[in-house]
Amino acid sequence: MAAKIRKGDKVVVLNGRDKGRTGEVFEVRPGENKALVRGINMIKRHQKQTQAQEGGIISKESPIHLSNIAIAGKDGKPTRVGFKIQADGTKVRIAKRSGAEIDG
């Protein structure tokens, strides 16, 4: 099945403490139905010092469920994603709000 949200997409958070914030997807985990969005759903983790890394408290992104994010349209508002088969047989994603083709 084709993915509605892919790496590199600009998304809007629909639920949770980061509701309304936007960010870029930098990793998608289709098996878990989750994605990592840059700067969204930040958590703090205690890191033990190793030869390669310094120890201390680090901030990193936590996965967010795909149902809690939506593609940001041209106007920055969240939009649902649909699919359309073009004349040459390729499948493209379209924004339901505007009907415009989503780059990707």
PDB file of N, CA and C in Angstrom:
ATOM      1  N   MET A   1       0.837  -1.190   0.000  1.00  0.00           N
ATOM      2  CA  MET A   1       0.000   0.000   0.000  1.00  0.00           C
ATOM      3  C   MET A   1       0.876   1.244   0.000  1.00  0.00           C
ATOM      4  N   ALA A   2       0.476   2.237  -0.739  1.00  0.00           N
ATOM      5  CA  ALA A   2       1.250   3.475  -0.819  1.00  0.00           C
ATOM      6  C   ALA A   2       1.121   4.252   0.492  1.00  0.00           C
ATOM      7  N   ALA A   3       2.218   4.887   0.887  1.00  0.00           N
ATOM      8  CA  ALA A   3       2.239   5.629   2.149  1.00  0.00           C
ATOM      9  C   ALA A   3       1.644   7.019   1.968  1.00  0.00           C
ATOM     10  N   LYS A   4       0.773   7.408   2.893  1.00  0.00           N
ATOM     11  CA  LYS A   4       0.181   8.743   2.844  1.00  0.00           C
ATOM     12  C   LYS A   4       1.143   9.789   3.384  1.00  0.00           C
ATOM     13  N   ILE A   5       1.988   9.397   4.339  1.00  0.00           N
ATOM     14  CA  ILE A   5       2.995  10.311   4.894  1.00  0.00           C
ATOM     15  C   ILE A   5       4.358   9.694   4.654  1.00  0.00           C
ATOM     16  N   ARG A   6       5.251  10.491   4.083  1.00  0.00           N
ATOM     17  CA  ARG A   6       6.581  10.013   3.730  1.00  0.00           C
ATOM     18  C   ARG A   6       7.657  10.903   4.335  1.00  0.00           C
ATOM     19  N   LYS A   7       8.887  10.418   4.301  1.00  0.00           N
ATOM     20  CA  LYS A   7      10.040  11.175   4.759  1.00  0.00           C
ATOM     21  C   LYS A   7      10.143  12.468   3.943  1.00  0.00           C
ATOM     22  N   GLY A   8      10.394  13.580   4.635  1.00  0.00           N
ATOM     23  CA  GLY A   8      10.539  14.866   3.963  1.00  0.00           C
ATOM     24  C   GLY A   8       9.259  15.685   3.903  1.00  0.00           C
ATOM     25  N   ASP A   9       8.116  15.106   4.284  1.00  0.00           N
ATOM     26  CA  ASP A   9       6.843  15.833   4.263  1.00  0.00           C
ATOM     27  C   ASP A   9       6.768  16.832   5.409  1.00  0.00           C
ATOM     28  N   LYS A  10       6.124  17.981   5.148  1.00  0.00           N
ATOM     29  CA  LYS A  10       5.805  18.948   6.197  1.00  0.00           C
ATOM     30  C   LYS A  10       4.471  18.527   6.789  1.00  0.00           C
ATOM     31  N   VAL A  11       4.431  18.338   8.115  1.00  0.00           N
ATOM     32  CA  VAL A  11       3.208  17.868   8.756  1.00  0.00           C
ATOM     33  C   VAL A  11       2.792  18.788   9.906  1.00  0.00           C
ATOM     34  N   VAL A  12       1.500  18.713  10.254  1.00  0.00           N
ATOM     35  CA  VAL A  12       0.922  19.446  11.373  1.00  0.00           C
ATOM     36  C   VAL A  12       0.475  18.419  12.403  1.00  0.00           C
ATOM     37  N   VAL A  13       0.759  18.684  13.687  1.00  0.00           N
ATOM     38  CA  VAL A  13       0.340  17.784  14.759  1.00  0.00           C
ATOM     39  C   VAL A  13      -1.111  18.104  15.105  1.00  0.00           C
ATOM     40  N   LEU A  14      -1.954  17.060  15.148  1.00  0.00           N
ATOM     41  CA  LEU A  14      -3.383  17.232  15.385  1.00  0.00           C
ATOM     42  C   LEU A  14      -3.773  17.057  16.853  1.00  0.00           C
ATOM     43  N   ASN A  15      -3.051  16.237  17.604  1.00  0.00           N
ATOM     44  CA  ASN A  15      -3.390  15.948  18.992  1.00  0.00           C
ATOM     45  C   ASN A  15      -2.141  15.944  19.859  1.00  0.00           C
ATOM     46  N   GLY A  16      -2.334  16.100  21.163  1.00  0.00           N
ATOM     47  CA  GLY A  16      -1.227  15.999  22.108  1.00  0.00           C
ATOM     48  C   GLY A  16      -0.694  17.352  22.513  1.00  0.00           C
ATOM     49  N   ARG A  17       0.405  17.333  23.257  1.00  0.00           N
ATOM     50  CA  ARG A  17       0.943  18.581  23.803  1.00  0.00           C
ATOM     51  C   ARG A  17       1.544  19.486  22.737  1.00  0.00           C
ATOM     52  N   ASP A  18       1.875  18.938  21.579  1.00  0.00           N
ATOM     53  CA  ASP A  18       2.438  19.737  20.482  1.00  0.00           C
ATOM     54  C   ASP A  18       1.391  20.083  19.433  1.00  0.00           C
ATOM     55  N   LYS A  19       0.116  20.019  19.782  1.00  0.00           N
ATOM     56  CA  LYS A  19      -0.983  20.277  18.842  1.00  0.00           C
ATOM     57  C   LYS A  19      -0.815  21.638  18.167  1.00  0.00           C
ATOM     58  N   GLY A  20      -0.936  21.639  16.832  1.00  0.00           N
ATOM     59  CA  GLY A  20      -0.833  22.867  16.061  1.00  0.00           C
ATOM     60  C   GLY A  20       0.559  23.173  15.550  1.00  0.00           C
ATOM     61  N   ARG A  21       1.582  22.519  16.087  1.00  0.00           N
ATOM     62  CA  ARG A  21       2.954  22.772  15.638  1.00  0.00           C
ATOM     63  C   ARG A  21       3.240  22.013  14.349  1.00  0.00           C
ATOM     64  N   THR A  22       4.164  22.552  13.560  1.00  0.00           N
ATOM     65  CA  THR A  22       4.536  21.906  12.307  1.00  0.00           C
ATOM     66  C   THR A  22       5.992  21.475  12.355  1.00  0.00           C
ATOM     67  N   GLY A  23       6.320  20.477  11.562  1.00  0.00           N
ATOM     68  CA  GLY A  23       7.680  19.988  11.479  1.00  0.00           C
ATOM     69  C   GLY A  23       7.844  19.099  10.263  1.00  0.00           C
ATOM     70  N   GLU A  24       9.073  18.660  10.051  1.00  0.00           N
ATOM     71  CA  GLU A  24       9.379  17.819   8.898  1.00  0.00           C
ATOM     72  C   GLU A  24       9.608  16.383   9.355  1.00  0.00           C
ATOM     73  N   VAL A  25       9.013  15.444   8.656  1.00  0.00           N
ATOM     74  CA  VAL A  25       9.190  14.023   8.962  1.00  0.00           C
ATOM     75  C   VAL A  25      10.586  13.610   8.506  1.00  0.00           C
ATOM     76  N   PHE A  26      11.367  13.024   9.433  1.00  0.00           N
ATOM     77  CA  PHE A  26      12.692  12.554   9.016  1.00  0.00           C
ATOM     78  C   PHE A  26      12.833  11.042   9.114  1.00  0.00           C
ATOM     79  N   GLU A  27      11.820  10.375   9.647  1.00  0.00           N
ATOM     80  CA  GLU A  27      11.826   8.904   9.645  1.00  0.00           C
ATOM     81  C   GLU A  27      10.394   8.413   9.791  1.00  0.00           C
ATOM     82  N   VAL A  28      10.039   7.398   9.008  1.00  0.00           N
ATOM     83  CA  VAL A  28       8.719   6.783   9.100  1.00  0.00           C
ATOM     84  C   VAL A  28       8.921   5.307   9.433  1.00  0.00           C
ATOM     85  N   ARG A  29       8.124   4.830  10.391  1.00  0.00           N
ATOM     86  CA  ARG A  29       8.172   3.419  10.782  1.00  0.00           C
ATOM     87  C   ARG A  29       6.826   2.786  10.453  1.00  0.00           C
ATOM     88  N   PRO A  30       6.657   2.275   9.214  1.00  0.00           N
ATOM     89  CA  PRO A  30       5.360   1.767   8.788  1.00  0.00           C
ATOM     90  C   PRO A  30       4.879   0.558   9.580  1.00  0.00           C
ATOM     91  N   GLY A  31       5.774  -0.261  10.065  1.00  0.00           N
ATOM     92  CA  GLY A  31       5.384  -1.431  10.849  1.00  0.00           C
ATOM     93  C   GLY A  31       4.734  -1.049  12.168  1.00  0.00           C
ATOM     94  N   GLU A  32       5.137   0.075  12.729  1.00  0.00           N
ATOM     95  CA  GLU A  32       4.597   0.551  14.003  1.00  0.00           C
ATOM     96  C   GLU A  32       3.528   1.621  13.801  1.00  0.00           C
ATOM     97  N   ASN A  33       3.300   2.070  12.557  1.00  0.00           N
ATOM     98  CA  ASN A  33       2.404   3.189  12.248  1.00  0.00           C
ATOM     99  C   ASN A  33       2.830   4.460  12.980  1.00  0.00           C
ATOM    100  N   LYS A  34       4.132   4.719  13.034  1.00  0.00           N
ATOM    101  CA  LYS A  34       4.650   5.885  13.731  1.00  0.00           C
ATOM    102  C   LYS A  34       5.650   6.619  12.850  1.00  0.00           C
ATOM    103  N   ALA A  35       5.886   7.889  13.197  1.00  0.00           N
ATOM    104  CA  ALA A  35       6.858   8.698  12.468  1.00  0.00           C
ATOM    105  C   ALA A  35       7.618   9.569  13.447  1.00  0.00           C
ATOM    106  N   LEU A  36       8.830   9.957  13.070  1.00  0.00           N
ATOM    107  CA  LEU A  36       9.619  10.904  13.848  1.00  0.00           C
ATOM    108  C   LEU A  36       9.591  12.241  13.121  1.00  0.00           C
ATOM    109  N   VAL A  37       9.195  13.285  13.847  1.00  0.00           N
ATOM    110  CA  VAL A  37       9.070  14.617  13.271  1.00  0.00           C
ATOM    111  C   VAL A  37      10.075  15.532  13.966  1.00  0.00           C
ATOM    112  N   ARG A  38      10.880  16.245  13.175  1.00  0.00           N
ATOM    113  CA  ARG A  38      11.933  17.094  13.712  1.00  0.00           C
ATOM    114  C   ARG A  38      11.361  18.180  14.633  1.00  0.00           C
ATOM    115  N   GLY A  39      11.830  18.182  15.900  1.00  0.00           N
ATOM    116  CA  GLY A  39      11.446  19.201  16.869  1.00  0.00           C
ATOM    117  C   GLY A  39      10.109  18.969  17.547  1.00  0.00           C
ATOM    118  N   ILE A  40       9.436  17.864  17.256  1.00  0.00           N
ATOM    119  CA  ILE A  40       8.115  17.573  17.818  1.00  0.00           C
ATOM    120  C   ILE A  40       8.207  16.354  18.743  1.00  0.00           C
ATOM    121  N   ASN A  41       7.435  16.376  19.839  1.00  0.00           N
ATOM    122  CA  ASN A  41       7.370  15.273  20.793  1.00  0.00           C
ATOM    123  C   ASN A  41       8.746  14.986  21.397  1.00  0.00           C
ATOM    124  N   MET A  42       9.425  16.054  21.844  1.00  0.00           N
ATOM    125  CA  MET A  42      10.767  15.929  22.413  1.00  0.00           C
ATOM    126  C   MET A  42      10.708  15.303  23.803  1.00  0.00           C
ATOM    127  N   ILE A  43      11.665  14.411  24.072  1.00  0.00           N
ATOM    128  CA  ILE A  43      11.795  13.791  25.383  1.00  0.00           C
ATOM    129  C   ILE A  43      13.240  13.922  25.831  1.00  0.00           C
ATOM    130  N   LYS A  44      13.479  13.797  27.124  1.00  0.00           N
ATOM    131  CA  LYS A  44      14.838  13.852  27.663  1.00  0.00           C
ATOM    132  C   LYS A  44      15.242  12.452  28.096  1.00  0.00           C
ATOM    133  N   ARG A  45      16.452  12.073  27.761  1.00  0.00           N
ATOM    134  CA  ARG A  45      16.977  10.763  28.111  1.00  0.00           C
ATOM    135  C   ARG A  45      18.341  10.928  28.777  1.00  0.00           C
ATOM    136  N   HIS A  46      18.592  10.107  29.786  1.00  0.00           N
ATOM    137  CA  HIS A  46      19.896  10.109  30.437  1.00  0.00           C
ATOM    138  C   HIS A  46      20.812   9.193  29.643  1.00  0.00           C
ATOM    139  N   GLN A  47      21.977   9.729  29.241  1.00  0.00           N
ATOM    140  CA  GLN A  47      22.926   8.997  28.399  1.00  0.00           C
ATOM    141  C   GLN A  47      24.181   8.690  29.212  1.00  0.00           C
ATOM    142  N   LYS A  48      24.559   7.442  29.226  1.00  0.00           N
ATOM    143  CA  LYS A  48      25.786   7.055  29.912  1.00  0.00           C
ATOM    144  C   LYS A  48      26.981   7.416  29.034  1.00  0.00           C
ATOM    145  N   GLN A  49      28.052   7.842  29.653  1.00  0.00           N
ATOM    146  CA  GLN A  49      29.232   8.249  28.885  1.00  0.00           C
ATOM    147  C   GLN A  49      29.945   7.030  28.314  1.00  0.00           C
ATOM    148  N   THR A  50      30.355   7.153  27.042  1.00  0.00           N
ATOM    149  CA  THR A  50      31.157   6.122  26.382  1.00  0.00           C
ATOM    150  C   THR A  50      32.371   6.804  25.768  1.00  0.00           C
ATOM    151  N   GLN A  51      33.235   6.027  25.158  1.00  0.00           N
ATOM    152  CA  GLN A  51      34.410   6.619  24.502  1.00  0.00           C
ATOM    153  C   GLN A  51      33.989   7.495  23.333  1.00  0.00           C
ATOM    154  N   ALA A  52      32.927   7.109  22.663  1.00  0.00           N
ATOM    155  CA  ALA A  52      32.478   7.851  21.483  1.00  0.00           C
ATOM    156  C   ALA A  52      31.572   9.029  21.843  1.00  0.00           C
ATOM    157  N   GLN A  53      30.780   8.898  22.927  1.00  0.00           N
ATOM    158  CA  GLN A  53      29.783   9.921  23.259  1.00  0.00           C
ATOM    159  C   GLN A  53      29.981  10.447  24.662  1.00  0.00           C
ATOM    160  N   GLU A  54      29.592  11.711  24.828  1.00  0.00           N
ATOM    161  CA  GLU A  54      29.623  12.326  26.143  1.00  0.00           C
ATOM    162  C   GLU A  54      28.345  11.957  26.892  1.00  0.00           C
ATOM    163  N   GLY A  55      28.449  11.854  28.199  1.00  0.00           N
ATOM    164  CA  GLY A  55      27.290  11.519  29.008  1.00  0.00           C
ATOM    165  C   GLY A  55      26.462  12.757  29.329  1.00  0.00           C
ATOM    166  N   GLY A  56      25.328  12.549  29.975  1.00  0.00           N
ATOM    167  CA  GLY A  56      24.473  13.653  30.373  1.00  0.00           C
ATOM    168  C   GLY A  56      23.046  13.446  29.908  1.00  0.00           C
ATOM    169  N   ILE A  57      22.254  14.511  30.023  1.00  0.00           N
ATOM    170  CA  ILE A  57      20.855  14.457  29.622  1.00  0.00           C
ATOM    171  C   ILE A  57      20.742  14.986  28.197  1.00  0.00           C
ATOM    172  N   ILE A  58      20.200  14.164  27.307  1.00  0.00           N
ATOM    173  CA  ILE A  58      20.048  14.578  25.913  1.00  0.00           C
ATOM    174  C   ILE A  58      18.565  14.668  25.565  1.00  0.00           C
ATOM    175  N   SER A  59      18.225  15.558  24.647  1.00  0.00           N
ATOM    176  CA  SER A  59      16.850  15.674  24.144  1.00  0.00           C
ATOM    177  C   SER A  59      16.789  15.029  22.778  1.00  0.00           C
ATOM    178  N   LYS A  60      15.744  14.246  22.564  1.00  0.00           N
ATOM    179  CA  LYS A  60      15.568  13.640  21.253  1.00  0.00           C
ATOM    180  C   LYS A  60      14.079  13.499  20.955  1.00  0.00           C
ATOM    181  N   GLU A  61      13.771  13.278  19.686  1.00  0.00           N
ATOM    182  CA  GLU A  61      12.383  13.130  19.260  1.00  0.00           C
ATOM    183  C   GLU A  61      11.879  11.735  19.590  1.00  0.00           C
ATOM    184  N   SER A  62      10.631  11.668  20.000  1.00  0.00           N
ATOM    185  CA  SER A  62       9.975  10.402  20.261  1.00  0.00           C
ATOM    186  C   SER A  62       8.991  10.150  19.119  1.00  0.00           C
ATOM    187  N   PRO A  63       8.738   8.892  18.768  1.00  0.00           N
ATOM    188  CA  PRO A  63       7.798   8.621  17.674  1.00  0.00           C
ATOM    189  C   PRO A  63       6.390   9.114  17.994  1.00  0.00           C
ATOM    190  N   ILE A  64       5.687   9.557  16.975  1.00  0.00           N
ATOM    191  CA  ILE A  64       4.313  10.017  17.110  1.00  0.00           C
ATOM    192  C   ILE A  64       3.461   9.199  16.145  1.00  0.00           C
ATOM    193  N   HIS A  65       2.255   8.828  16.574  1.00  0.00           N
ATOM    194  CA  HIS A  65       1.403   7.973  15.760  1.00  0.00           C
ATOM    195  C   HIS A  65       0.954   8.710  14.504  1.00  0.00           C
ATOM    196  N   LEU A  66       0.869   7.987  13.391  1.00  0.00           N
ATOM    197  CA  LEU A  66       0.502   8.597  12.111  1.00  0.00           C
ATOM    198  C   LEU A  66      -0.897   9.214  12.124  1.00  0.00           C
ATOM    199  N   SER A  67      -1.784   8.704  12.990  1.00  0.00           N
ATOM    200  CA  SER A  67      -3.130   9.265  13.054  1.00  0.00           C
ATOM    201  C   SER A  67      -3.147  10.642  13.715  1.00  0.00           C
ATOM    202  N   ASN A  68      -2.069  11.003  14.402  1.00  0.00           N
ATOM    203  CA  ASN A  68      -2.001  12.281  15.102  1.00  0.00           C
ATOM    204  C   ASN A  68      -1.284  13.362  14.310  1.00  0.00           C
ATOM    205  N   ILE A  69      -0.911  13.069  13.071  1.00  0.00           N
ATOM    206  CA  ILE A  69      -0.284  14.079  12.214  1.00  0.00           C
ATOM    207  C   ILE A  69      -0.985  14.097  10.858  1.00  0.00           C
ATOM    208  N   ALA A  70      -0.943  15.248  10.200  1.00  0.00           N
ATOM    209  CA  ALA A  70      -1.539  15.394   8.866  1.00  0.00           C
ATOM    210  C   ALA A  70      -0.622  16.268   8.029  1.00  0.00           C
ATOM    211  N   ILE A  71      -0.637  16.040   6.735  1.00  0.00           N
ATOM    212  CA  ILE A  71       0.169  16.831   5.809  1.00  0.00           C
ATOM    213  C   ILE A  71      -0.270  18.295   5.882  1.00  0.00           C
ATOM    214  N   ALA A  72       0.703  19.201   5.878  1.00  0.00           N
ATOM    215  CA  ALA A  72       0.405  20.628   5.851  1.00  0.00           C
ATOM    216  C   ALA A  72       0.247  21.049   4.392  1.00  0.00           C
ATOM    217  N   GLY A  73      -0.890  21.682   4.083  1.00  0.00           N
ATOM    218  CA  GLY A  73      -1.137  22.148   2.722  1.00  0.00           C
ATOM    219  C   GLY A  73      -0.342  23.411   2.427  1.00  0.00           C
ATOM    220  N   LYS A  74      -0.574  23.998   1.280  1.00  0.00           N
ATOM    221  CA  LYS A  74       0.138  25.217   0.872  1.00  0.00           C
ATOM    222  C   LYS A  74      -0.111  26.361   1.859  1.00  0.00           C
ATOM    223  N   ASP A  75      -1.329  26.395   2.449  1.00  0.00           N
ATOM    224  CA  ASP A  75      -1.670  27.458   3.391  1.00  0.00           C
ATOM    225  C   ASP A  75      -1.263  27.129   4.825  1.00  0.00           C
ATOM    226  N   GLY A  76      -0.647  25.961   5.057  1.00  0.00           N
ATOM    227  CA  GLY A  76      -0.208  25.570   6.386  1.00  0.00           C
ATOM    228  C   GLY A  76      -1.251  24.832   7.186  1.00  0.00           C
ATOM    229  N   LYS A  77      -2.459  24.706   6.641  1.00  0.00           N
ATOM    230  CA  LYS A  77      -3.527  23.991   7.343  1.00  0.00           C
ATOM    231  C   LYS A  77      -3.423  22.494   7.057  1.00  0.00           C
ATOM    232  N   PRO A  78      -3.859  21.669   8.018  1.00  0.00           N
ATOM    233  CA  PRO A  78      -3.782  20.217   7.791  1.00  0.00           C
ATOM    234  C   PRO A  78      -4.760  19.763   6.710  1.00  0.00           C
ATOM    235  N   THR A  79      -4.341  18.796   5.929  1.00  0.00           N
ATOM    236  CA  THR A  79      -5.187  18.245   4.871  1.00  0.00           C
ATOM    237  C   THR A  79      -5.051  16.735   4.846  1.00  0.00           C
ATOM    238  N   ARG A  80      -6.112  16.068   4.445  1.00  0.00           N
ATOM    239  CA  ARG A  80      -6.046  14.623   4.264  1.00  0.00           C
ATOM    240  C   ARG A  80      -5.387  14.327   2.926  1.00  0.00           C
ATOM    241  N   VAL A  81      -4.952  13.080   2.779  1.00  0.00           N
ATOM    242  CA  VAL A  81      -4.236  12.682   1.567  1.00  0.00           C
ATOM    243  C   VAL A  81      -5.068  11.668   0.803  1.00  0.00           C
ATOM    244  N   GLY A  82      -5.185  11.879  -0.511  1.00  0.00           N
ATOM    245  CA  GLY A  82      -5.843  10.931  -1.388  1.00  0.00           C
ATOM    246  C   GLY A  82      -4.885  10.517  -2.487  1.00  0.00           C
ATOM    247  N   PHE A  83      -5.303   9.579  -3.295  1.00  0.00           N
ATOM    248  CA  PHE A  83      -4.470   9.107  -4.392  1.00  0.00           C
ATOM    249  C   PHE A  83      -5.223   9.238  -5.708  1.00  0.00           C
ATOM    250  N   LYS A  84      -4.467   9.485  -6.777  1.00  0.00           N
ATOM    251  CA  LYS A  84      -5.052   9.620  -8.099  1.00  0.00           C
ATOM    252  C   LYS A  84      -4.131   8.916  -9.089  1.00  0.00           C
ATOM    253  N   ILE A  85      -4.713   8.187 -10.007  1.00  0.00           N
ATOM    254  CA  ILE A  85      -3.936   7.526 -11.058  1.00  0.00           C
ATOM    255  C   ILE A  85      -3.891   8.476 -12.253  1.00  0.00           C
ATOM    256  N   GLN A  86      -2.676   8.803 -12.675  1.00  0.00           N
ATOM    257  CA  GLN A  86      -2.515   9.693 -13.821  1.00  0.00           C
ATOM    258  C   GLN A  86      -2.692   8.921 -15.121  1.00  0.00           C
ATOM    259  N   ALA A  87      -2.723   9.655 -16.221  1.00  0.00           N
ATOM    260  CA  ALA A  87      -2.929   9.050 -17.543  1.00  0.00           C
ATOM    261  C   ALA A  87      -1.837   8.043 -17.902  1.00  0.00           C
ATOM    262  N   ASP A  88      -0.603   8.310 -17.441  1.00  0.00           N
ATOM    263  CA  ASP A  88       0.497   7.392 -17.766  1.00  0.00           C
ATOM    264  C   ASP A  88       0.570   6.201 -16.799  1.00  0.00           C
ATOM    265  N   GLY A  89      -0.392   6.087 -15.868  1.00  0.00           N
ATOM    266  CA  GLY A  89      -0.463   4.934 -14.987  1.00  0.00           C
ATOM    267  C   GLY A  89       0.246   5.102 -13.653  1.00  0.00           C
ATOM    268  N   THR A  90       0.871   6.260 -13.409  1.00  0.00           N
ATOM    269  CA  THR A  90       1.549   6.465 -12.133  1.00  0.00           C
ATOM    270  C   THR A  90       0.552   6.945 -11.084  1.00  0.00           C
ATOM    271  N   LYS A  91       0.800   6.540  -9.850  1.00  0.00           N
ATOM    272  CA  LYS A  91      -0.072   6.906  -8.733  1.00  0.00           C
ATOM    273  C   LYS A  91       0.552   8.092  -8.004  1.00  0.00           C
ATOM    274  N   VAL A  92      -0.218   9.162  -7.811  1.00  0.00           N
ATOM    275  CA  VAL A  92       0.294  10.352  -7.127  1.00  0.00           C
ATOM    276  C   VAL A  92      -0.602  10.691  -5.945  1.00  0.00           C
ATOM    277  N   ARG A  93       0.004  11.353  -4.950  1.00  0.00           N
ATOM    278  CA  ARG A  93      -0.759  11.795  -3.787  1.00  0.00           C
ATOM    279  C   ARG A  93      -1.364  13.170  -4.084  1.00  0.00           C
ATOM    280  N   ILE A  94      -2.601  13.364  -3.630  1.00  0.00           N
ATOM    281  CA  ILE A  94      -3.242  14.664  -3.791  1.00  0.00           C
ATOM    282  C   ILE A  94      -3.768  15.127  -2.437  1.00  0.00           C
ATOM    283  N   ALA A  95      -3.810  16.454  -2.250  1.00  0.00           N
ATOM    284  CA  ALA A  95      -4.359  17.041  -1.031  1.00  0.00           C
ATOM    285  C   ALA A  95      -5.870  17.127  -1.183  1.00  0.00           C
ATOM    286  N   LYS A  96      -6.608  16.554  -0.236  1.00  0.00           N
ATOM    287  CA  LYS A  96      -8.070  16.555  -0.321  1.00  0.00           C
ATOM    288  C   LYS A  96      -8.639  17.974  -0.186  1.00  0.00           C
ATOM    289  N   ARG A  97      -7.984  18.833   0.594  1.00  0.00           N
ATOM    290  CA  ARG A  97      -8.488  20.181   0.836  1.00  0.00           C
ATOM    291  C   ARG A  97      -8.473  21.025  -0.437  1.00  0.00           C
ATOM    292  N   SER A  98      -7.363  20.968  -1.177  1.00  0.00           N
ATOM    293  CA  SER A  98      -7.217  21.823  -2.357  1.00  0.00           C
ATOM    294  C   SER A  98      -7.299  21.062  -3.679  1.00  0.00           C
ATOM    295  N   GLY A  99      -7.067  19.767  -3.643  1.00  0.00           N
ATOM    296  CA  GLY A  99      -7.025  18.971  -4.864  1.00  0.00           C
ATOM    297  C   GLY A  99      -5.676  19.036  -5.559  1.00  0.00           C
ATOM    298  N   ALA A 100      -4.733  19.769  -4.963  1.00  0.00           N
ATOM    299  CA  ALA A 100      -3.409  19.929  -5.568  1.00  0.00           C
ATOM    300  C   ALA A 100      -2.552  18.668  -5.358  1.00  0.00           C
ATOM    301  N   GLU A 101      -1.646  18.451  -6.285  1.00  0.00           N
ATOM    302  CA  GLU A 101      -0.730  17.324  -6.197  1.00  0.00           C
ATOM    303  C   GLU A 101       0.319  17.599  -5.126  1.00  0.00           C
ATOM    304  N   ILE A 102       0.623  16.592  -4.325  1.00  0.00           N
ATOM    305  CA  ILE A 102       1.638  16.746  -3.280  1.00  0.00           C
ATOM    306  C   ILE A 102       2.979  16.352  -3.874  1.00  0.00           C
ATOM    307  N   ASP A 103       3.966  17.224  -3.742  1.00  0.00           N
ATOM    308  CA  ASP A 103       5.306  16.939  -4.257  1.00  0.00           C
ATOM    309  C   ASP A 103       5.894  15.773  -3.488  1.00  0.00           C
ATOM    310  N   GLY A 104       6.606  14.935  -4.178  1.00  0.00           N
ATOM    311  CA  GLY A 104       7.219  13.811  -3.460  1.00  0.00           C
ATOM    312  C   GLY A 104       7.572  12.771  -4.388  1.00  0.00           C
TER     313      GLY A 104
END
